[in-house]
Amino acid sequence: MSQMVHVGFPATAFFSRSYDETLNLVRESRDYLRDRGAADRTDLDPIVGLAWGAEISRLTTRLTNLMAWMLLQRAVHGGEITVVEACDQAPALGSIKVCLEPACIDPARLPTELGELLDRSARLYQRIARLDEMVRRDVANDTE
């Protein structure tokens, strides 16, 4: 997947691309919510509208946890903290169940743009959760 420059440390190019992808997804989600989200929600039947709210919360939770992880990794890359400190600062991404669970409704019933944001955020979250698991495993093996 990615090369490690040393224990628990994602390669700079991979990290940079992932950081940019996360930041772009945060911005796109913000723009959707600010510009089109409320209008999309008013056009939905009540049950789908409720699911819309739950899925917006899931999207926000995923992106918040991803950005927090990225910022910790950026601090590691910058030499501000160690990878062990970064692992101690936040829970493992794989332990945050709400981020990994499937949508509470068929995504085809949600507005298309929201469905796409949910799909992209889920794939990114799963990819970074696997990386987080690798980092934590490397740190655990190195500190034994």
Protein backbone atom coordinates (compact mmCIF):
# COMPACT_ATOMS: atom_id res chain seq x y z
CA MET A 1 0.00 0.00 0.00
CA SER A 2 2.37 2.73 1.15
CA GLN A 3 6.01 2.70 2.05
CA MET A 4 7.03 3.55 5.56
CA VAL A 5 9.91 5.90 6.13
CA HIS A 6 10.19 4.53 9.63
CA VAL A 7 7.95 2.79 12.13
CA GLY A 8 4.39 4.06 12.00
CA PHE A 9 5.19 6.86 9.58
CA PRO A 10 3.30 7.01 6.24
CA ALA A 11 5.44 7.98 3.25
CA THR A 12 5.31 11.72 2.57
CA ALA A 13 3.78 11.50 -0.94
CA PHE A 14 1.01 9.15 0.22
CA PHE A 15 0.32 11.29 3.28
CA SER A 16 0.24 14.49 1.24
CA ARG A 17 -2.25 13.05 -1.27
CA SER A 18 -4.45 11.68 1.51
CA TYR A 19 -4.34 14.96 3.41
CA ASP A 20 -5.33 16.89 0.27
CA GLU A 21 -8.11 14.41 -0.49
CA THR A 22 -9.47 14.74 3.05
CA LEU A 23 -9.33 18.53 3.00
CA ASN A 24 -11.07 18.67 -0.40
CA LEU A 25 -13.80 16.36 0.83
CA VAL A 26 -14.30 18.53 3.92
CA ARG A 27 -14.66 21.60 1.68
CA GLU A 28 -17.04 19.88 -0.73
CA SER A 29 -19.18 18.69 2.18
CA ARG A 30 -19.22 22.15 3.70
CA ASP A 31 -20.26 23.65 0.37
CA TYR A 32 -23.01 21.07 -0.07
CA LEU A 33 -24.42 21.73 3.39
CA ARG A 34 -24.14 25.50 3.05
CA ASP A 35 -25.44 25.84 -0.50
CA ARG A 36 -27.73 22.92 -1.30
CA GLY A 37 -28.27 20.71 1.72
CA ALA A 38 -31.26 22.51 3.24
CA ALA A 39 -33.06 22.67 -0.11
CA ASP A 40 -32.39 18.96 -0.71
CA ARG A 41 -33.79 18.09 2.71
CA THR A 42 -37.04 20.00 2.23
CA ASP A 43 -37.80 17.95 -0.90
CA LEU A 44 -37.58 14.61 0.96
CA ASP A 45 -40.39 12.67 2.59
CA PRO A 46 -40.18 12.76 6.43
CA ILE A 47 -38.56 9.32 6.89
CA VAL A 48 -35.90 10.01 4.25
CA GLY A 49 -35.42 13.47 5.76
CA LEU A 50 -34.67 11.86 9.11
CA ALA A 51 -32.19 9.52 7.45
CA TRP A 52 -30.68 12.54 5.66
CA GLY A 53 -29.96 14.10 9.07
CA ALA A 54 -28.44 10.88 10.41
CA GLU A 55 -26.23 10.51 7.35
CA ILE A 56 -25.10 14.15 7.56
CA SER A 57 -24.04 13.39 11.14
CA ARG A 58 -22.16 10.29 9.96
CA LEU A 59 -20.45 12.30 7.20
CA THR A 60 -19.44 15.00 9.67
CA THR A 61 -18.14 12.44 12.17
CA ARG A 62 -16.07 10.68 9.51
CA LEU A 63 -14.55 13.89 8.24
CA THR A 64 -13.86 15.27 11.72
CA ASN A 65 -12.04 12.08 12.73
CA LEU A 66 -10.13 11.94 9.45
CA MET A 67 -8.98 15.56 9.74
CA ALA A 68 -7.93 15.03 13.36
CA TRP A 69 -5.88 11.99 12.27
CA MET A 70 -4.36 13.93 9.39
CA LEU A 71 -3.39 16.83 11.63
CA LEU A 72 -1.74 14.46 14.11
CA GLN A 73 0.17 12.82 11.27
CA ARG A 74 1.20 16.23 9.97
CA ALA A 75 2.57 17.00 13.43
CA VAL A 76 4.51 13.71 13.31
CA HIS A 77 5.86 14.55 9.84
CA GLY A 78 6.86 17.98 11.13
CA GLY A 79 8.72 16.51 14.09
CA GLU A 80 6.40 18.20 16.60
CA ILE A 81 5.31 14.92 18.22
CA THR A 82 6.33 11.29 17.99
CA VAL A 83 4.26 8.64 16.29
CA VAL A 84 3.69 7.06 19.72
CA GLU A 85 2.29 10.35 21.02
CA ALA A 86 0.05 10.60 17.95
CA CYS A 87 -1.33 7.11 18.61
CA ASP A 88 -1.97 8.05 22.24
CA GLN A 89 -3.80 11.26 21.27
CA ALA A 90 -6.76 9.70 19.43
CA PRO A 91 -8.75 6.47 19.37
CA ALA A 92 -8.07 4.04 16.56
CA LEU A 93 -10.17 4.97 13.53
CA GLY A 94 -11.33 1.37 13.28
CA SER A 95 -12.91 1.60 16.74
CA ILE A 96 -15.31 4.40 15.77
CA LYS A 97 -18.23 2.21 14.72
CA VAL A 98 -20.56 4.93 13.44
CA CYS A 99 -18.00 5.82 10.78
CA LEU A 100 -17.77 2.26 9.49
CA GLU A 101 -21.42 1.23 9.58
CA PRO A 102 -23.46 1.23 6.38
CA ALA A 103 -26.02 3.94 5.70
CA CYS A 104 -29.26 3.72 7.69
CA ILE A 105 -31.24 3.93 4.43
CA ASP A 106 -30.68 2.91 0.85
CA PRO A 107 -28.32 5.66 -0.39
CA ALA A 108 -30.28 5.77 -3.66
CA ARG A 109 -33.14 7.41 -1.69
CA LEU A 110 -30.87 10.26 -0.59
CA PRO A 111 -29.97 13.27 -2.75
CA THR A 112 -27.34 12.25 -5.31
CA GLU A 113 -24.70 14.70 -4.11
CA LEU A 114 -25.02 13.54 -0.51
CA GLY A 115 -24.83 9.91 -1.61
CA GLU A 116 -21.61 10.62 -3.47
CA LEU A 117 -20.10 12.44 -0.48
CA LEU A 118 -21.06 9.55 1.79
CA ASP A 119 -19.55 6.99 -0.58
CA ARG A 120 -16.29 8.90 -1.01
CA SER A 121 -15.99 9.60 2.72
CA ALA A 122 -16.62 5.92 3.56
CA ARG A 123 -13.97 4.71 1.11
CA LEU A 124 -11.45 7.29 2.37
CA TYR A 125 -12.26 6.47 5.99
CA GLN A 126 -11.79 2.73 5.39
CA ARG A 127 -8.48 3.32 3.62
CA ILE A 128 -7.13 5.60 6.36
CA ALA A 129 -8.46 3.29 9.10
CA ARG A 130 -6.38 0.48 7.56
CA LEU A 131 -3.36 2.78 7.52
CA ASP A 132 -4.03 3.77 11.13
CA GLU A 133 -4.18 0.09 12.05
CA MET A 134 -0.83 -0.52 10.33
CA VAL A 135 0.75 2.43 12.11
CA ARG A 136 -0.55 1.30 15.48
CA ARG A 137 0.60 -2.28 14.87
CA ASP A 138 4.08 -1.05 13.89
CA VAL A 139 4.25 1.15 16.99
CA ALA A 140 3.12 -1.71 19.22
CA ASN A 141 5.67 -4.08 17.70
CA ASP A 142 8.44 -1.48 18.04
CA THR A 143 7.67 -0.74 21.70
CA GLU A 144 7.50 -4.39 22.81
